[in-house]
N, C-alpha and C. Protein backbone atom coordinates (compact mmCIF):
# COMPACT_ATOMS: atom_id res chain seq x y z
N MET A 1 114.41 129.58 76.17
CA MET A 1 114.34 128.94 77.40
C MET A 1 113.26 127.78 77.26
N ALA A 2 113.62 126.63 77.74
CA ALA A 2 112.79 125.46 77.62
C ALA A 2 111.68 125.50 78.75
N ARG A 3 110.59 125.12 78.34
CA ARG A 3 109.48 124.99 79.23
C ARG A 3 109.45 123.68 79.95
N ARG A 4 109.21 123.66 81.23
CA ARG A 4 109.04 122.39 81.96
C ARG A 4 107.65 121.88 81.84
N LYS A 5 107.51 120.59 81.54
CA LYS A 5 106.28 119.99 81.55
C LYS A 5 105.59 119.84 82.91
N LEU A 6 104.37 120.40 83.03
CA LEU A 6 103.72 120.26 84.37
C LEU A 6 103.20 118.86 84.56
N LYS A 7 103.24 118.38 85.79
CA LYS A 7 102.68 117.07 86.04
C LYS A 7 101.12 117.23 86.07
N THR A 8 100.52 116.16 85.59
CA THR A 8 99.04 116.21 85.63
C THR A 8 98.63 115.04 86.51
N TYR A 9 97.33 115.20 86.99
CA TYR A 9 96.87 114.14 87.93
C TYR A 9 95.43 113.96 87.56
N ASP A 10 94.97 112.74 87.80
CA ASP A 10 93.60 112.38 87.65
C ASP A 10 92.83 112.83 88.84
N ALA A 11 91.60 113.45 88.63
CA ALA A 11 90.80 113.94 89.68
C ALA A 11 89.37 113.70 89.26
N GLU A 12 88.44 113.88 90.31
CA GLU A 12 87.06 113.84 89.95
C GLU A 12 86.42 115.19 90.30
N PHE A 13 85.69 115.71 89.43
CA PHE A 13 85.04 117.03 89.67
C PHE A 13 83.66 116.96 89.21
N LYS A 14 82.78 117.27 90.16
CA LYS A 14 81.25 117.13 89.85
C LYS A 14 80.87 115.88 89.08
N GLY A 15 81.42 114.73 89.54
CA GLY A 15 81.11 113.45 89.05
C GLY A 15 81.86 113.11 87.73
N ARG A 16 82.68 113.93 87.31
CA ARG A 16 83.46 113.63 86.01
C ARG A 16 84.86 113.51 86.32
N LYS A 17 85.55 112.64 85.55
CA LYS A 17 86.98 112.48 85.69
C LYS A 17 87.64 113.50 84.87
N VAL A 18 88.60 114.20 85.41
CA VAL A 18 89.37 115.27 84.76
C VAL A 18 90.81 115.19 84.98
N ARG A 19 91.55 115.81 84.17
CA ARG A 19 93.05 115.85 84.41
C ARG A 19 93.42 117.20 84.88
N VAL A 20 94.13 117.38 85.96
CA VAL A 20 94.46 118.69 86.50
C VAL A 20 95.97 118.81 86.63
N THR A 21 96.38 120.03 86.66
CA THR A 21 97.78 120.31 86.94
C THR A 21 97.80 120.99 88.33
N VAL A 22 98.83 120.80 89.04
CA VAL A 22 99.12 121.40 90.32
C VAL A 22 100.34 122.27 90.18
N PRO A 23 100.13 123.60 90.32
CA PRO A 23 101.28 124.53 90.08
C PRO A 23 102.29 124.36 91.25
N GLU A 24 103.62 124.43 90.93
CA GLU A 24 104.53 124.38 91.98
C GLU A 24 104.31 125.56 92.89
N SER A 25 104.59 125.28 94.17
CA SER A 25 104.39 126.32 95.12
C SER A 25 105.55 126.37 96.15
N ASP A 26 105.48 127.35 96.97
CA ASP A 26 106.56 127.49 98.01
C ASP A 26 106.04 126.76 99.25
N GLU A 27 105.02 125.93 99.13
CA GLU A 27 104.52 125.31 100.39
C GLU A 27 105.57 124.39 101.02
N ALA A 28 106.48 123.76 100.30
CA ALA A 28 107.55 123.07 100.87
C ALA A 28 108.40 123.91 101.78
N ASP A 29 108.61 125.08 101.38
CA ASP A 29 109.33 126.03 102.25
C ASP A 29 108.52 126.53 103.42
N ALA A 30 107.28 126.44 103.38
CA ALA A 30 106.35 126.94 104.39
C ALA A 30 106.63 126.16 105.63
N LEU A 31 106.87 124.84 105.53
CA LEU A 31 107.12 123.94 106.76
C LEU A 31 108.42 124.50 107.42
N GLY A 32 109.47 124.66 106.63
CA GLY A 32 110.68 125.09 107.17
C GLY A 32 110.56 126.47 107.91
N GLU A 33 109.83 127.35 107.18
CA GLU A 33 109.64 128.71 107.77
C GLU A 33 108.89 128.64 109.02
N ALA A 34 107.87 127.81 109.13
CA ALA A 34 107.09 127.67 110.33
C ALA A 34 107.89 127.09 111.46
N ILE A 35 108.79 126.11 111.17
CA ILE A 35 109.63 125.57 112.15
C ILE A 35 110.67 126.57 112.65
N LYS A 36 111.30 127.28 111.75
CA LYS A 36 112.18 128.25 112.09
C LYS A 36 111.62 129.42 112.95
N GLY A 37 110.33 129.75 112.60
CA GLY A 37 109.67 130.82 113.35
C GLY A 37 109.19 130.48 114.75
N ASN A 38 109.10 129.20 115.05
CA ASN A 38 108.50 128.79 116.27
C ASN A 38 109.37 127.86 117.14
N LEU A 39 110.45 127.35 116.68
CA LEU A 39 111.25 126.47 117.49
C LEU A 39 112.79 126.96 117.44
N SER A 40 113.45 126.73 118.54
CA SER A 40 114.85 127.08 118.62
C SER A 40 115.61 126.00 117.89
N PRO A 41 116.90 126.30 117.47
CA PRO A 41 117.68 125.28 116.88
C PRO A 41 117.81 123.98 117.69
N GLU A 42 117.94 124.21 119.00
CA GLU A 42 118.09 123.06 119.84
C GLU A 42 116.83 122.20 119.94
N ALA A 43 115.65 122.90 119.88
CA ALA A 43 114.39 122.15 119.79
C ALA A 43 114.27 121.33 118.43
N VAL A 44 114.68 121.98 117.35
CA VAL A 44 114.66 121.31 116.06
C VAL A 44 115.56 120.02 116.07
N ALA A 45 116.80 120.19 116.73
CA ALA A 45 117.66 119.12 116.77
C ALA A 45 117.07 118.01 117.64
N THR A 46 116.44 118.34 118.70
CA THR A 46 115.78 117.41 119.62
C THR A 46 114.68 116.69 118.87
N LEU A 47 113.89 117.35 118.12
CA LEU A 47 112.79 116.83 117.25
C LEU A 47 113.36 115.84 116.26
N ALA A 48 114.42 116.23 115.55
CA ALA A 48 115.06 115.31 114.51
C ALA A 48 115.54 114.06 115.25
N ASN A 49 116.17 114.20 116.42
CA ASN A 49 116.63 113.06 117.12
C ASN A 49 115.53 112.12 117.51
N ALA A 50 114.44 112.72 117.96
CA ALA A 50 113.29 111.86 118.47
C ALA A 50 112.76 111.11 117.23
N VAL A 51 112.68 111.66 116.10
CA VAL A 51 112.18 111.03 114.88
C VAL A 51 113.16 109.95 114.48
N ARG A 52 114.38 110.23 114.55
CA ARG A 52 115.40 109.16 114.13
C ARG A 52 115.38 108.03 115.13
N VAL A 53 115.25 108.33 116.45
CA VAL A 53 115.26 107.23 117.38
C VAL A 53 113.90 106.40 117.16
N HIS A 54 112.88 106.99 117.01
CA HIS A 54 111.60 106.31 116.77
C HIS A 54 111.69 105.36 115.56
N VAL A 55 112.21 105.88 114.49
CA VAL A 55 112.31 105.15 113.25
C VAL A 55 113.26 103.97 113.41
N ASN A 56 114.40 104.19 114.06
CA ASN A 56 115.42 103.18 114.19
C ASN A 56 115.03 102.08 115.24
N GLY A 57 114.12 102.46 116.21
CA GLY A 57 113.85 101.53 117.29
C GLY A 57 112.57 100.78 117.04
N ARG A 58 111.92 100.98 115.97
CA ARG A 58 110.59 100.26 115.74
C ARG A 58 110.49 99.66 114.34
N ARG A 59 109.74 98.62 114.31
CA ARG A 59 109.38 98.09 112.99
C ARG A 59 108.20 98.98 112.50
N THR A 60 108.46 99.48 111.34
CA THR A 60 107.49 100.46 110.80
C THR A 60 107.23 100.11 109.33
N ASN A 61 106.09 100.49 108.92
CA ASN A 61 105.75 100.38 107.50
C ASN A 61 106.77 101.04 106.70
N PRO A 62 107.18 100.43 105.61
CA PRO A 62 108.27 101.05 104.85
C PRO A 62 108.02 102.41 104.25
N GLU A 63 106.82 102.70 103.92
CA GLU A 63 106.46 104.06 103.47
C GLU A 63 106.48 105.07 104.54
N VAL A 64 106.03 104.64 105.70
CA VAL A 64 106.08 105.53 106.86
C VAL A 64 107.51 105.80 107.32
N ARG A 65 108.28 104.74 107.30
CA ARG A 65 109.70 104.94 107.57
C ARG A 65 110.38 105.92 106.61
N ARG A 66 110.09 105.75 105.38
CA ARG A 66 110.68 106.67 104.30
C ARG A 66 110.27 108.13 104.62
N GLN A 67 109.08 108.33 104.99
CA GLN A 67 108.51 109.72 105.20
C GLN A 67 109.21 110.27 106.51
N LEU A 68 109.25 109.46 107.52
CA LEU A 68 109.99 109.93 108.70
C LEU A 68 111.47 110.21 108.52
N ASP A 69 112.02 109.35 107.69
CA ASP A 69 113.52 109.67 107.36
C ASP A 69 113.58 110.91 106.63
N TRP A 70 112.70 111.23 105.71
CA TRP A 70 112.67 112.47 104.97
C TRP A 70 112.59 113.70 106.01
N LEU A 71 111.66 113.55 106.93
CA LEU A 71 111.41 114.65 107.84
C LEU A 71 112.70 114.80 108.67
N ALA A 72 113.24 113.72 109.21
CA ALA A 72 114.43 113.90 110.10
C ALA A 72 115.64 114.50 109.27
N ASN A 73 115.81 114.01 108.04
CA ASN A 73 116.87 114.58 107.19
C ASN A 73 116.59 116.01 106.89
N ARG A 74 115.42 116.38 106.61
CA ARG A 74 115.09 117.76 106.31
C ARG A 74 115.37 118.67 107.52
N LEU A 75 115.04 118.29 108.70
CA LEU A 75 115.29 119.00 109.94
C LEU A 75 116.76 119.17 110.22
N VAL A 76 117.50 118.06 109.94
CA VAL A 76 119.02 118.09 110.09
C VAL A 76 119.65 119.08 109.07
N SER A 77 119.20 119.05 107.87
CA SER A 77 119.69 119.99 106.85
C SER A 77 119.34 121.43 107.19
N MET A 78 118.19 121.65 107.82
CA MET A 78 117.83 123.03 108.16
C MET A 78 118.81 123.55 109.24
N LEU A 79 119.40 122.74 110.03
CA LEU A 79 120.31 123.10 111.08
C LEU A 79 121.68 123.28 110.56
N GLY A 80 121.92 122.84 109.38
CA GLY A 80 123.28 123.09 108.78
C GLY A 80 124.08 121.79 108.67
N GLY A 81 123.37 120.66 108.76
CA GLY A 81 124.02 119.39 108.60
C GLY A 81 124.30 118.57 109.89
N GLU A 82 124.88 117.43 109.68
CA GLU A 82 125.19 116.46 110.78
C GLU A 82 125.97 117.10 111.88
N ASN A 83 127.05 117.82 111.60
CA ASN A 83 127.83 118.33 112.64
C ASN A 83 127.18 119.36 113.50
N ALA A 84 126.39 120.23 112.87
CA ALA A 84 125.64 121.25 113.66
C ALA A 84 124.52 120.58 114.40
N TYR A 85 123.97 119.50 113.78
CA TYR A 85 122.88 118.76 114.54
C TYR A 85 123.45 118.19 115.83
N HIS A 86 124.60 117.54 115.72
CA HIS A 86 125.23 116.88 116.90
C HIS A 86 125.67 117.98 117.96
N ASP A 87 126.18 119.06 117.44
CA ASP A 87 126.54 120.14 118.43
C ASP A 87 125.33 120.66 119.11
N LEU A 88 124.23 120.93 118.50
CA LEU A 88 123.04 121.27 119.06
C LEU A 88 122.41 120.31 120.00
N LEU A 89 122.56 119.05 119.74
CA LEU A 89 122.05 118.04 120.66
C LEU A 89 122.88 118.10 122.00
N LYS A 90 124.17 118.34 121.84
CA LYS A 90 124.99 118.47 123.03
C LYS A 90 124.61 119.67 123.90
N GLU A 91 124.25 120.76 123.17
CA GLU A 91 123.79 122.01 123.87
C GLU A 91 122.48 121.77 124.55
N ALA A 92 121.62 120.91 123.97
CA ALA A 92 120.34 120.57 124.53
C ALA A 92 120.37 119.58 125.71
N GLY A 93 121.57 119.03 125.85
CA GLY A 93 121.73 118.06 126.87
C GLY A 93 121.46 116.60 126.56
N LEU A 94 121.39 116.29 125.23
CA LEU A 94 121.13 114.93 124.90
C LEU A 94 122.41 114.23 124.40
């Protein structure tokens, strides 16, 4: 089995420059789990819609726009894709 090379990053520790690795974690899934545990599917669809409307309606820093697009797309994929997203928006009255 091939080993994956860990990414390393420059950091400063006690006044010295060091190279560190950051282990992969399940933190990316923590966001999804927190959303699923606290919001209804209709609320998630409404949130994704609000993010999309905001991004499309404003001139935004390109990096911020990319990040907001990522968030909206992640929320939509959590719902099961575009069709489920649109169905849930209808159920939410939007």
